[in-house]
């Protein structure tokens, strides 16, 4: 009886792993469609006379942003807030001071 339970648990774990892998692959396939779905929902809020034109413009811009990896920071590069802080410190100003904000 114990051997049957062990085999049943092993088969359950094996099938559960396969199922989890299939679900993960399915999710990966649909994740790329999420930004376009968000744009579609946003375009529904625009008047019908401008809807298709704006949706086509937005999808073209989104496709360009998703494909253009040169503008994305690399993993080792400083983030935008750190770059702002570094540039303001190099100029001798605090990034939060009023003098810095008025000089823009």
Protein backbone atom coordinates (compact mmCIF):
# COMPACT_ATOMS: atom_id res chain seq x y z
CA UNK A 1 0.00 0.00 0.00
CA UNK A 2 2.82 2.42 0.83
CA UNK A 3 4.52 1.75 -2.51
CA UNK A 4 1.31 2.63 -4.34
CA UNK A 5 1.13 5.98 -2.53
CA UNK A 6 4.77 6.71 -3.34
CA UNK A 7 4.20 5.97 -7.03
CA UNK A 8 1.00 8.02 -7.02
CA UNK A 9 2.77 11.00 -5.42
CA UNK A 10 5.68 10.70 -7.87
CA UNK A 11 3.31 10.64 -10.87
CA UNK A 12 1.35 13.59 -9.41
CA UNK A 13 4.51 15.65 -8.95
CA UNK A 14 5.70 14.75 -12.44
CA UNK A 15 2.39 15.70 -14.06
CA UNK A 16 2.18 18.86 -11.94
CA UNK A 17 5.62 19.93 -13.20
CA UNK A 18 4.59 19.35 -16.80
CA UNK A 19 1.36 21.30 -16.26
CA UNK A 20 3.25 24.19 -14.62
CA UNK A 21 5.68 24.30 -17.56
CA UNK A 22 2.83 24.38 -20.07
CA UNK A 23 1.03 27.15 -18.18
CA UNK A 24 4.27 29.15 -17.94
CA UNK A 25 4.86 28.84 -21.68
CA UNK A 26 1.29 29.93 -22.37
CA UNK A 27 1.68 32.98 -20.13
CA UNK A 28 4.94 33.92 -21.86
CA UNK A 29 3.13 33.77 -25.18
CA UNK A 30 0.38 36.14 -24.03
CA UNK A 31 2.54 38.63 -22.11
CA UNK A 32 3.62 40.35 -25.33
CA UNK A 33 0.00 41.15 -26.13
CA UNK A 34 -0.71 42.98 -22.86
CA UNK A 35 0.61 46.42 -23.94
CA UNK A 36 -1.45 46.27 -27.12
CA UNK A 37 -4.55 45.31 -25.16
CA UNK A 38 -4.01 48.30 -22.88
CA UNK A 39 -3.77 50.56 -25.94
CA UNK A 40 -6.94 49.04 -27.36
CA UNK A 41 -8.81 49.73 -24.11
CA UNK A 42 -7.43 53.29 -24.04
CA UNK A 43 -8.50 53.85 -27.64
CA UNK A 44 -12.07 52.92 -26.71
CA UNK A 45 -12.18 56.07 -24.56
CA UNK A 46 -11.31 58.31 -27.54
CA UNK A 47 -14.12 59.68 -29.78
CA UNK A 48 -14.85 57.32 -32.67
CA UNK A 49 -13.78 59.89 -35.27
CA UNK A 50 -10.15 59.79 -34.01
CA UNK A 51 -10.02 56.28 -32.60
CA UNK A 52 -8.39 54.30 -35.42
CA UNK A 53 -5.87 57.00 -36.30
CA UNK A 54 -4.71 57.32 -32.70
CA UNK A 55 -4.66 53.56 -32.16
CA UNK A 56 -2.47 53.07 -35.25
CA UNK A 57 -0.10 55.83 -34.10
CA UNK A 58 0.07 54.41 -30.58
CA UNK A 59 0.73 50.86 -31.76
CA UNK A 60 3.47 52.07 -34.10
CA UNK A 61 5.10 54.00 -31.26
CA UNK A 62 4.75 51.03 -28.92
CA UNK A 63 6.31 48.67 -31.44
CA UNK A 64 9.23 51.06 -31.89
CA UNK A 65 9.71 51.36 -28.12
CA UNK A 66 9.57 47.62 -27.58
CA UNK A 67 12.08 46.94 -30.35
CA UNK A 68 14.49 49.80 -29.60
CA UNK A 69 16.70 48.49 -26.84
CA UNK A 70 19.36 51.18 -27.26
CA UNK A 71 17.40 53.64 -25.11
CA UNK A 72 16.96 51.21 -22.23
CA UNK A 73 19.55 51.37 -19.48
CA UNK A 74 21.85 48.39 -19.26
CA UNK A 75 21.81 46.45 -15.98
CA UNK A 76 25.04 48.03 -14.76
CA UNK A 77 24.25 51.62 -15.72
CA UNK A 78 22.95 54.22 -13.30
CA UNK A 79 19.24 54.87 -13.29
CA UNK A 80 17.70 58.21 -14.21
CA UNK A 81 17.39 59.49 -10.60
CA UNK A 82 21.02 58.59 -9.96
CA UNK A 83 22.05 60.34 -13.19
CA UNK A 84 20.10 63.44 -12.15
CA UNK A 85 21.74 63.42 -8.75
CA UNK A 86 25.22 62.93 -10.24
CA UNK A 87 24.78 65.71 -12.81
CA UNK A 88 23.46 68.17 -10.23
CA UNK A 89 26.28 67.33 -7.81
CA UNK A 90 28.79 67.87 -10.62
CA UNK A 91 27.26 71.30 -11.19
CA UNK A 92 27.53 72.08 -7.47
CA UNK A 93 23.80 72.17 -6.79
CA UNK A 94 21.38 70.05 -4.86
CA UNK A 95 18.79 68.36 -7.09
CA UNK A 96 16.04 69.46 -4.70
CA UNK A 97 17.07 73.08 -4.18
CA UNK A 98 14.90 75.89 -5.50
CA UNK A 99 17.88 77.41 -7.34
CA UNK A 100 18.30 74.20 -9.26
CA UNK A 101 14.61 74.06 -10.19
CA UNK A 102 14.51 77.68 -11.43
CA UNK A 103 17.63 77.27 -13.54
CA UNK A 104 15.93 74.74 -15.83
